[in-house]
Each structure stands twice: as structure tokens, then as C-alpha cells.
C-alpha atoms as a PDB file:
ATOM      1  CA  MET A   1     100.049 112.088  86.382  1.00  0.00           C
ATOM      2  CA  LEU A   2     102.767 112.356  89.063  1.00  0.00           C
ATOM      3  CA  GLU A   3     106.472 112.223  88.340  1.00  0.00           C
ATOM      4  CA  LEU A   4     109.126 112.716  91.017  1.00  0.00           C
ATOM      5  CA  LYS A   5     112.820 112.763  90.174  1.00  0.00           C
ATOM      6  CA  ASP A   6     115.729 112.975  92.633  1.00  0.00           C
ATOM      7  CA  ILE A   7     113.577 114.318  95.471  1.00  0.00           C
ATOM      8  CA  THR A   8     115.555 115.049  98.623  1.00  0.00           C
ATOM      9  CA  LEU A   9     114.266 116.378 101.917  1.00  0.00           C
ATOM     10  CA  HIS A  10     116.086 117.653 104.991  1.00  0.00           C
ATOM     11  CA  TYR A  11     114.815 118.295 108.510  1.00  0.00           C
ATOM     12  CA  GLY A  12     117.508 120.509 109.950  1.00  0.00           C
ATOM     13  CA  GLN A  13     120.758 118.559 109.647  1.00  0.00           C
ATOM     14  CA  SER A  14     118.991 115.252 108.955  1.00  0.00           C
ATOM     15  CA  GLN A  15     118.389 114.041 105.411  1.00  0.00           C
ATOM     16  CA  ILE A  16     115.068 112.186 105.248  1.00  0.00           C
ATOM     17  CA  LEU A  17     114.679 111.509 101.515  1.00  0.00           C
ATOM     18  CA  ASN A  18     117.647 110.575  99.341  1.00  0.00           C
ATOM     19  CA  GLY A  19     117.009 111.229  95.663  1.00  0.00           C
ATOM     20  CA  VAL A  20     113.616 109.547  95.419  1.00  0.00           C
ATOM     21  CA  ASN A  21     112.200 108.724  91.970  1.00  0.00           C
ATOM     22  CA  LEU A  22     108.525 107.777  91.761  1.00  0.00           C
ATOM     23  CA  THR A  23     105.725 107.849  89.198  1.00  0.00           C
ATOM     24  CA  ALA A  24     101.979 107.426  89.776  1.00  0.00           C
ATOM     25  CA  GLU A  25      99.891 106.930  86.644  1.00  0.00           C
ATOM     26  CA  GLN A  26      96.317 107.956  85.971  1.00  0.00           C
ATOM     27  CA  GLY A  27      93.845 105.094  86.382  1.00  0.00           C
ATOM     28  CA  GLN A  28      96.225 103.103  88.571  1.00  0.00           C
ATOM     29  CA  ILE A  29      96.895 102.550  92.266  1.00  0.00           C
ATOM     30  CA  THR A  30     100.531 103.046  93.189  1.00  0.00           C
ATOM     31  CA  CYS A  31     101.460 101.710  96.616  1.00  0.00           C
ATOM     32  CA  LEU A  32     104.406 102.927  98.678  1.00  0.00           C
ATOM     33  CA  LEU A  33     105.499 100.401 101.300  1.00  0.00           C
ATOM     34  CA  GLY A  34     108.058 100.404 104.085  1.00  0.00           C
ATOM     35  CA  THR A  35     108.440 100.029 107.818  1.00  0.00           C
ATOM     36  CA  ASN A  36     107.864 102.936 110.231  1.00  0.00           C
ATOM     37  CA  GLY A  37     110.211 105.895 109.936  1.00  0.00           C
ATOM     38  CA  VAL A  38     111.618 105.255 106.454  1.00  0.00           C
ATOM     39  CA  GLY A  39     110.214 108.454 104.909  1.00  0.00           C
ATOM     40  CA  LYS A  40     106.865 107.416 103.392  1.00  0.00           C
ATOM     41  CA  THR A  41     104.778 110.076 105.135  1.00  0.00           C
ATOM     42  CA  SER A  42     107.475 112.672 104.512  1.00  0.00           C
ATOM     43  CA  LEU A  43     107.274 111.931 100.790  1.00  0.00           C
ATOM     44  CA  LEU A  44     103.489 112.342 100.794  1.00  0.00           C
ATOM     45  CA  LYS A  45     103.912 115.643 102.610  1.00  0.00           C
ATOM     46  CA  VAL A  46     106.274 116.802  99.861  1.00  0.00           C
ATOM     47  CA  VAL A  47     103.726 115.831  97.198  1.00  0.00           C
ATOM     48  CA  SER A  48     100.906 117.550  99.118  1.00  0.00           C
ATOM     49  CA  GLY A  49     102.956 120.703  99.694  1.00  0.00           C
ATOM     50  CA  THR A  50     102.988 120.305 103.471  1.00  0.00           C
ATOM     51  CA  HIS A  51     106.792 119.990 103.364  1.00  0.00           C
ATOM     52  CA  ASN A  52     109.084 121.684 100.843  1.00  0.00           C
ATOM     53  CA  HIS A  53     111.584 119.346  99.210  1.00  0.00           C
ATOM     54  CA  SER A  54     115.226 120.347  99.310  1.00  0.00           C
ATOM     55  CA  ALA A  55     115.990 119.409  95.695  1.00  0.00           C
ATOM     56  CA  GLY A  56     114.582 117.495  92.756  1.00  0.00           C
ATOM     57  CA  SER A  57     111.825 117.688  90.155  1.00  0.00           C
ATOM     58  CA  TYR A  58     108.110 117.405  90.954  1.00  0.00           C
ATOM     59  CA  LYS A  59     105.794 117.237  87.940  1.00  0.00           C
ATOM     60  CA  LEU A  60     102.015 116.949  88.010  1.00  0.00           C
ATOM     61  CA  ASP A  61     100.317 116.287  84.692  1.00  0.00           C
ATOM     62  CA  GLY A  62     103.642 117.006  83.012  1.00  0.00           C
ATOM     63  CA  ILE A  63     103.951 120.468  84.582  1.00  0.00           C
ATOM     64  CA  GLU A  64     106.804 121.270  86.965  1.00  0.00           C
ATOM     65  CA  GLN A  65     105.398 122.345  90.342  1.00  0.00           C
ATOM     66  CA  GLY A  66     108.587 123.622  91.965  1.00  0.00           C
ATOM     67  CA  ILE A  67     108.136 124.631  95.593  1.00  0.00           C
ATOM     68  CA  SER A  68     104.375 125.090  95.910  1.00  0.00           C
ATOM     69  CA  ARG A  69     102.251 125.482  99.008  1.00  0.00           C
ATOM     70  CA  ALA A  70      99.589 122.979  99.988  1.00  0.00           C
ATOM     71  CA  HIS A  71      96.611 125.151  99.012  1.00  0.00           C
ATOM     72  CA  THR A  72      98.151 125.795  95.586  1.00  0.00           C
ATOM     73  CA  LEU A  73      98.715 122.098  94.941  1.00  0.00           C
ATOM     74  CA  ALA A  74      95.191 121.314  96.172  1.00  0.00           C
ATOM     75  CA  SER A  75      93.777 123.778  93.655  1.00  0.00           C
ATOM     76  CA  ARG A  76      95.856 122.045  90.945  1.00  0.00           C
ATOM     77  CA  GLY A  77      94.336 118.665  91.748  1.00  0.00           C
ATOM     78  CA  VAL A  78      96.205 117.092  94.668  1.00  0.00           C
ATOM     79  CA  GLY A  79      93.864 115.559  97.262  1.00  0.00           C
ATOM     80  CA  TYR A  80      95.460 114.509 100.559  1.00  0.00           C
ATOM     81  CA  VAL A  81      94.109 112.233 103.281  1.00  0.00           C
ATOM     82  CA  PRO A  82      96.735 112.479 106.045  1.00  0.00           C
ATOM     83  CA  GLN A  83      97.603 109.920 108.651  1.00  0.00           C
ATOM     84  CA  GLY A  84      95.438 110.768 111.644  1.00  0.00           C
ATOM     85  CA  ARG A  85      92.659 112.149 109.364  1.00  0.00           C
ATOM     86  CA  ASP A  86      92.734 115.747 110.710  1.00  0.00           C
ATOM     87  CA  ILE A  87      88.973 115.986 111.136  1.00  0.00           C
ATOM     88  CA  PHE A  88      87.694 119.182 112.777  1.00  0.00           C
ATOM     89  CA  PRO A  89      86.035 117.722 115.894  1.00  0.00           C
ATOM     90  CA  LEU A  90      83.656 120.598 116.702  1.00  0.00           C
ATOM     91  CA  MET A  91      82.427 121.050 113.140  1.00  0.00           C
ATOM     92  CA  SER A  92      79.603 118.932 111.736  1.00  0.00           C
ATOM     93  CA  VAL A  93      80.240 116.146 109.258  1.00  0.00           C
ATOM     94  CA  ARG A  94      78.775 118.302 106.482  1.00  0.00           C
ATOM     95  CA  GLU A  95      80.898 121.298 107.496  1.00  0.00           C
ATOM     96  CA  ASN A  96      84.003 119.106 107.455  1.00  0.00           C
ATOM     97  CA  MET A  97      83.128 117.995 103.927  1.00  0.00           C
ATOM     98  CA  GLU A  98      82.539 121.580 102.843  1.00  0.00           C
ATOM     99  CA  ILE A  99      86.147 122.436 103.748  1.00  0.00           C
ATOM    100  CA  GLY A 100      86.911 120.919 100.341  1.00  0.00           C
ATOM    101  CA  PHE A 101      85.076 123.817  98.678  1.00  0.00           C
ATOM    102  CA  ALA A 102      88.140 126.011  99.274  1.00  0.00           C
ATOM    103  CA  CYS A 103      89.755 124.449  96.174  1.00  0.00           C
ATOM    104  CA  LEU A 104      86.717 124.887  93.911  1.00  0.00           C
ATOM    105  CA  ASP A 105      84.914 127.620  92.026  1.00  0.00           C
ATOM    106  CA  LYS A 106      81.843 128.930  93.834  1.00  0.00           C
ATOM    107  CA  SER A 107      79.613 127.280  91.240  1.00  0.00           C
ATOM    108  CA  GLN A 108      80.864 123.875  92.454  1.00  0.00           C
ATOM    109  CA  HIS A 109      80.142 124.428  96.137  1.00  0.00           C
ATOM    110  CA  THR A 110      77.815 121.460  96.577  1.00  0.00           C
ATOM    111  CA  VAL A 111      78.410 118.116  98.260  1.00  0.00           C
ATOM    112  CA  PRO A 112      77.934 115.546  95.475  1.00  0.00           C
ATOM    113  CA  GLU A 113      75.364 112.845  96.174  1.00  0.00           C
ATOM    114  CA  GLU A 114      78.057 110.380  95.102  1.00  0.00           C
ATOM    115  CA  MET A 115      79.852 111.005  98.426  1.00  0.00           C
ATOM    116  CA  PHE A 116      76.831 109.665 100.296  1.00  0.00           C
ATOM    117  CA  GLU A 117      76.574 106.717  97.906  1.00  0.00           C
ATOM    118  CA  LEU A 118      80.208 105.828  98.571  1.00  0.00           C
ATOM    119  CA  PHE A 119      79.909 106.457 102.325  1.00  0.00           C
ATOM    120  CA  PRO A 120      76.248 106.054 103.403  1.00  0.00           C
ATOM    121  CA  VAL A 121      77.077 106.629 107.087  1.00  0.00           C
ATOM    122  CA  LEU A 122      78.034 110.240 106.286  1.00  0.00           C
ATOM    123  CA  LYS A 123      74.521 110.978 105.075  1.00  0.00           C
ATOM    124  CA  GLU A 124      73.032 109.551 108.254  1.00  0.00           C
ATOM    125  CA  MET A 125      75.456 111.536 110.439  1.00  0.00           C
ATOM    126  CA  GLN A 126      75.950 114.733 108.426  1.00  0.00           C
ATOM    127  CA  ASN A 127      74.675 116.930 111.249  1.00  0.00           C
ATOM    128  CA  ARG A 128      76.743 115.212 113.950  1.00  0.00           C
ATOM    129  CA  ARG A 129      80.046 116.673 115.113  1.00  0.00           C
ATOM    130  CA  GLY A 130      83.139 115.217 113.490  1.00  0.00           C
ATOM    131  CA  GLY A 131      84.575 114.414 116.898  1.00  0.00           C
ATOM    132  CA  ASP A 132      81.593 112.165 117.676  1.00  0.00           C
ATOM    133  CA  LEU A 133      82.418 109.763 114.851  1.00  0.00           C
ATOM    134  CA  SER A 134      84.349 106.535 115.308  1.00  0.00           C
ATOM    135  CA  GLY A 135      87.828 106.242 113.834  1.00  0.00           C
ATOM    136  CA  GLY A 136      86.519 104.378 110.805  1.00  0.00           C
ATOM    137  CA  GLN A 137      83.774 106.917 110.218  1.00  0.00           C
ATOM    138  CA  GLN A 138      86.299 109.755 110.493  1.00  0.00           C
ATOM    139  CA  GLN A 139      88.465 108.029 107.894  1.00  0.00           C
ATOM    140  CA  GLN A 140      85.514 107.837 105.524  1.00  0.00           C
ATOM    141  CA  LEU A 141      84.858 111.530 106.151  1.00  0.00           C
ATOM    142  CA  ALA A 142      88.491 112.440 105.459  1.00  0.00           C
ATOM    143  CA  ILE A 143      88.422 110.561 102.147  1.00  0.00           C
ATOM    144  CA  ALA A 144      85.109 112.158 101.155  1.00  0.00           C
ATOM    145  CA  ARG A 145      86.480 115.616 101.993  1.00  0.00           C
ATOM    146  CA  ALA A 146      89.469 114.995  99.722  1.00  0.00           C
ATOM    147  CA  LEU A 147      87.266 113.687  96.900  1.00  0.00           C
ATOM    148  CA  ILE A 148      85.089 116.801  97.033  1.00  0.00           C
ATOM    149  CA  THR A 149      88.121 118.777  95.810  1.00  0.00           C
ATOM    150  CA  LYS A 150      87.897 116.755  92.536  1.00  0.00           C
ATOM    151  CA  PRO A 151      91.520 115.573  92.661  1.00  0.00           C
ATOM    152  CA  LYS A 152      93.606 114.335  89.758  1.00  0.00           C
ATOM    153  CA  LEU A 153      95.952 112.742  92.296  1.00  0.00           C
ATOM    154  CA  LEU A 154      94.694 111.255  95.567  1.00  0.00           C
ATOM    155  CA  LEU A 155      97.217 110.699  98.377  1.00  0.00           C
ATOM    156  CA  LEU A 156      96.181 108.222 101.076  1.00  0.00           C
ATOM    157  CA  ASP A 157      98.395 107.836 104.149  1.00  0.00           C
ATOM    158  CA  GLU A 158      97.667 104.642 106.114  1.00  0.00           C
ATOM    159  CA  PRO A 159      93.879 104.629 105.493  1.00  0.00           C
ATOM    160  CA  THR A 160      93.394 101.318 107.352  1.00  0.00           C
ATOM    161  CA  GLU A 161      95.244 102.313 110.536  1.00  0.00           C
ATOM    162  CA  GLY A 162      93.190 101.547 113.648  1.00  0.00           C
ATOM    163  CA  ILE A 163      90.026 100.736 111.690  1.00  0.00           C
ATOM    164  CA  GLN A 164      87.646  97.819 112.059  1.00  0.00           C
ATOM    165  CA  PRO A 165      87.709  95.142 109.314  1.00  0.00           C
ATOM    166  CA  ASN A 166      84.284  95.875 107.790  1.00  0.00           C
ATOM    167  CA  ILE A 167      85.202  99.526 107.192  1.00  0.00           C
ATOM    168  CA  ILE A 168      88.603  98.510 105.803  1.00  0.00           C
ATOM    169  CA  GLN A 169      86.712  96.423 103.242  1.00  0.00           C
ATOM    170  CA  GLN A 170      84.467  99.356 102.368  1.00  0.00           C
ATOM    171  CA  ILE A 171      87.438 101.695 101.948  1.00  0.00           C
ATOM    172  CA  GLY A 172      89.057  99.091  99.699  1.00  0.00           C
ATOM    173  CA  ARG A 173      85.934  98.991  97.531  1.00  0.00           C
ATOM    174  CA  VAL A 174      85.919 102.786  97.266  1.00  0.00           C
ATOM    175  CA  ILE A 175      89.587 102.863  96.224  1.00  0.00           C
ATOM    176  CA  SER A 176      88.900 100.189  93.592  1.00  0.00           C
ATOM    177  CA  TYR A 177      85.911 102.178  92.360  1.00  0.00           C
ATOM    178  CA  LEU A 178      88.035 105.321  92.008  1.00  0.00           C
ATOM    179  CA  LYS A 179      90.592 103.359  90.007  1.00  0.00           C
ATOM    180  CA  ASP A 180      87.902 101.992  87.716  1.00  0.00           C
ATOM    181  CA  GLN A 181      86.707 105.520  86.935  1.00  0.00           C
ATOM    182  CA  GLY A 182      90.121 106.060  85.311  1.00  0.00           C
ATOM    183  CA  SER A 183      90.231 109.789  85.992  1.00  0.00           C
ATOM    184  CA  MET A 184      92.765 109.981  88.831  1.00  0.00           C
ATOM    185  CA  ALA A 185      96.006 108.521  90.069  1.00  0.00           C
ATOM    186  CA  VAL A 186      96.026 107.082  93.586  1.00  0.00           C
ATOM    187  CA  LEU A 187      99.203 107.022  95.684  1.00  0.00           C
ATOM    188  CA  LEU A 188      98.650 104.789  98.688  1.00  0.00           C
ATOM    189  CA  VAL A 189     100.948 104.500 101.706  1.00  0.00           C
ATOM    190  CA  GLU A 190      99.974 101.389 103.624  1.00  0.00           C
ATOM    191  CA  GLN A 191     101.354  98.960 106.205  1.00  0.00           C
ATOM    192  CA  TYR A 192      98.515  96.414 105.984  1.00  0.00           C
ATOM    193  CA  PHE A 193     100.238  94.311 103.343  1.00  0.00           C
ATOM    194  CA  GLU A 194      97.353  92.117 102.184  1.00  0.00           C
ATOM    195  CA  PHE A 195      95.119  95.169 101.712  1.00  0.00           C
ATOM    196  CA  ALA A 196      97.825  96.936  99.716  1.00  0.00           C
ATOM    197  CA  TYR A 197      98.723  93.891  97.648  1.00  0.00           C
ATOM    198  CA  GLU A 198      95.148  93.277  96.595  1.00  0.00           C
ATOM    199  CA  LEU A 199      94.640  96.863  95.408  1.00  0.00           C
ATOM    200  CA  ALA A 200      97.944  97.989  93.927  1.00  0.00           C
ATOM    201  CA  ASP A 201      99.037  98.029  90.293  1.00  0.00           C
ATOM    202  CA  HIS A 202     102.559  99.234  91.008  1.00  0.00           C
ATOM    203  CA  PHE A 203     104.765  98.943  94.077  1.00  0.00           C
ATOM    204  CA  TYR A 204     107.521 101.047  95.513  1.00  0.00           C
ATOM    205  CA  SER A 205     109.221 100.177  98.766  1.00  0.00           C
ATOM    206  CA  MET A 206     111.402 102.455 100.869  1.00  0.00           C
ATOM    207  CA  ARG A 207     114.182 101.951 103.366  1.00  0.00           C
ATOM    208  CA  ARG A 208     116.047 104.804 105.100  1.00  0.00           C
ATOM    209  CA  GLY A 209     114.786 107.401 102.644  1.00  0.00           C
ATOM    210  CA  ASN A 210     115.697 105.373  99.552  1.00  0.00           C
ATOM    211  CA  ILE A 211     113.556 103.467  97.061  1.00  0.00           C
ATOM    212  CA  ILE A 212     114.681  99.827  97.221  1.00  0.00           C
ATOM    213  CA  LEU A 213     111.943  98.277  95.063  1.00  0.00           C
ATOM    214  CA  ASP A 214     110.115  99.628  92.015  1.00  0.00           C
ATOM    215  CA  GLY A 215     107.926  97.473  89.813  1.00  0.00           C
ATOM    216  CA  LYS A 216     104.535  96.585  88.454  1.00  0.00           C
ATOM    217  CA  LYS A 217     102.603  94.010  90.455  1.00  0.00           C
ATOM    218  CA  THR A 218     102.489  91.724  87.407  1.00  0.00           C
ATOM    219  CA  HIS A 219     106.300  91.705  87.253  1.00  0.00           C
ATOM    220  CA  LEU A 220     106.965  91.073  90.950  1.00  0.00           C
ATOM    221  CA  LYS A 221     106.679  88.047  93.165  1.00  0.00           C
ATOM    222  CA  LYS A 222     104.542  88.606  96.229  1.00  0.00           C
ATOM    223  CA  ALA A 223     107.256  87.197  98.486  1.00  0.00           C
ATOM    224  CA  ASP A 224     109.810  89.652  97.090  1.00  0.00           C
ATOM    225  CA  VAL A 225     107.538  92.599  97.797  1.00  0.00           C
ATOM    226  CA  LEU A 226     106.843  91.352 101.313  1.00  0.00           C
ATOM    227  CA  ALA A 227     110.562  90.799 101.949  1.00  0.00           C
ATOM    228  CA  THR A 228     111.204  94.541 101.638  1.00  0.00           C
ATOM    229  CA  LEU A 229     109.157  95.076 104.787  1.00  0.00           C
ATOM    230  CA  SER A 230     111.483  93.045 106.977  1.00  0.00           C
ATOM    231  CA  VAL A 231     113.512  95.117 109.401  1.00  0.00           C
END
């Protein structure tokens, strides 16, 4: 579904990504690990179109994307849940979800009942302002908004950050459910190791803008994956 080859990224004179190669397959959860500041979020921003990569190949569904803007990539099937969620605080929960309609034909401008089945709290609070929700509820809303775009590739940046344990468990169940549907690839950036290890099929780990580990979960020892997170 997603294939990155030799992706580099510069901010001014600083090189953030150094020839990154990464693949995320349909029906699997690919987890990108690493300590703070190694380039994980920057890579997701490249894939989402928020940042333009300096060089390298970016293919989605076998088709080269080149330098494409975020709205173009969203319309091609890239759903992005950013770190910090980016909920519109003065808009209602339903209005926040309807932002996802921008990527869809007018005939598809309905909030699927499945969103409320996955996240029951959103149905109860759909007329409340987004800013009135707790952090965990906002995270559920951000994921639902991305799913409404019907993505082929779902990017999740630190979905457990600052969230209470019961909602972390619910988000984990939703991610597992999406995997079981087999229709999308999930690329997960996560620092909560046990959460990531339980969910992932394939691991990549980064250090200083480089991939230092690449392997299927079944071929890696847990301790070796964890060791890549040491500073």
C-alpha cells in the first residue's frame, strides 16, 4: 500500500530524514518507533503531504505520488491523525467529523453509524463543542474524522499520548478491528511500547533520521526491538 524509498527531508540547513526506506502493507499494522526528535513525526508529515520531502520515491498503491499537497493525498486515500489531534474547539463533535467530507463525493456526505459503534461517546456528545471533550474523547474524534475519509492508509501519530488507560484500550481495540477488516494499511507512531508491541505486525525504529531496525514482529526478539529505544 505504502512504499517509501530514499526519502530525505530538510528544514533549512538541517537534514531531518536520511534516505528512509519503509513499507506499510494492506491489512497490517506497521509501527514506527524511536525516541523524541528522531524524525518519526516528520516522516508522517511527508506521507500526509504536510511536509514536502527533499528527495526520494513515495508510492501509494503502486502509484508514484511525487510532491503532493495534503488535500490531494487525502483524496487519494491517506487519513492522518496528527499528534495533538487538531480538533476544532468551537465546532461541534458532528461538525468536526463532517470535516472529513471534504475528501468525498457529495453522495457520501453522511457520518457512518459505524463511527458511533466504534466510539459510542461521540454519539452521546455529537452536539457538544469539540473543545469541551477530554483528551481521550478528542483522540477518538480525531480518529473517527480520519476514518470518515475512507482511507486506504491510516497514519496515527502517538494516539495514546496523555490518555487514560481505559480509552487507550478502546483505541487499541479499534486499531485491531481496522486491521481485521483487511482493507487498509495502518502506520502507527507510538512511544508506549507495550501498546505498540501488542498491535504491530512489522516494526521500524529510527535514530537521528535513519532507520536502524526493520523487521516483522515474528522475526524479531522483543528485547531487541525495545533496545532501539534506549538513548
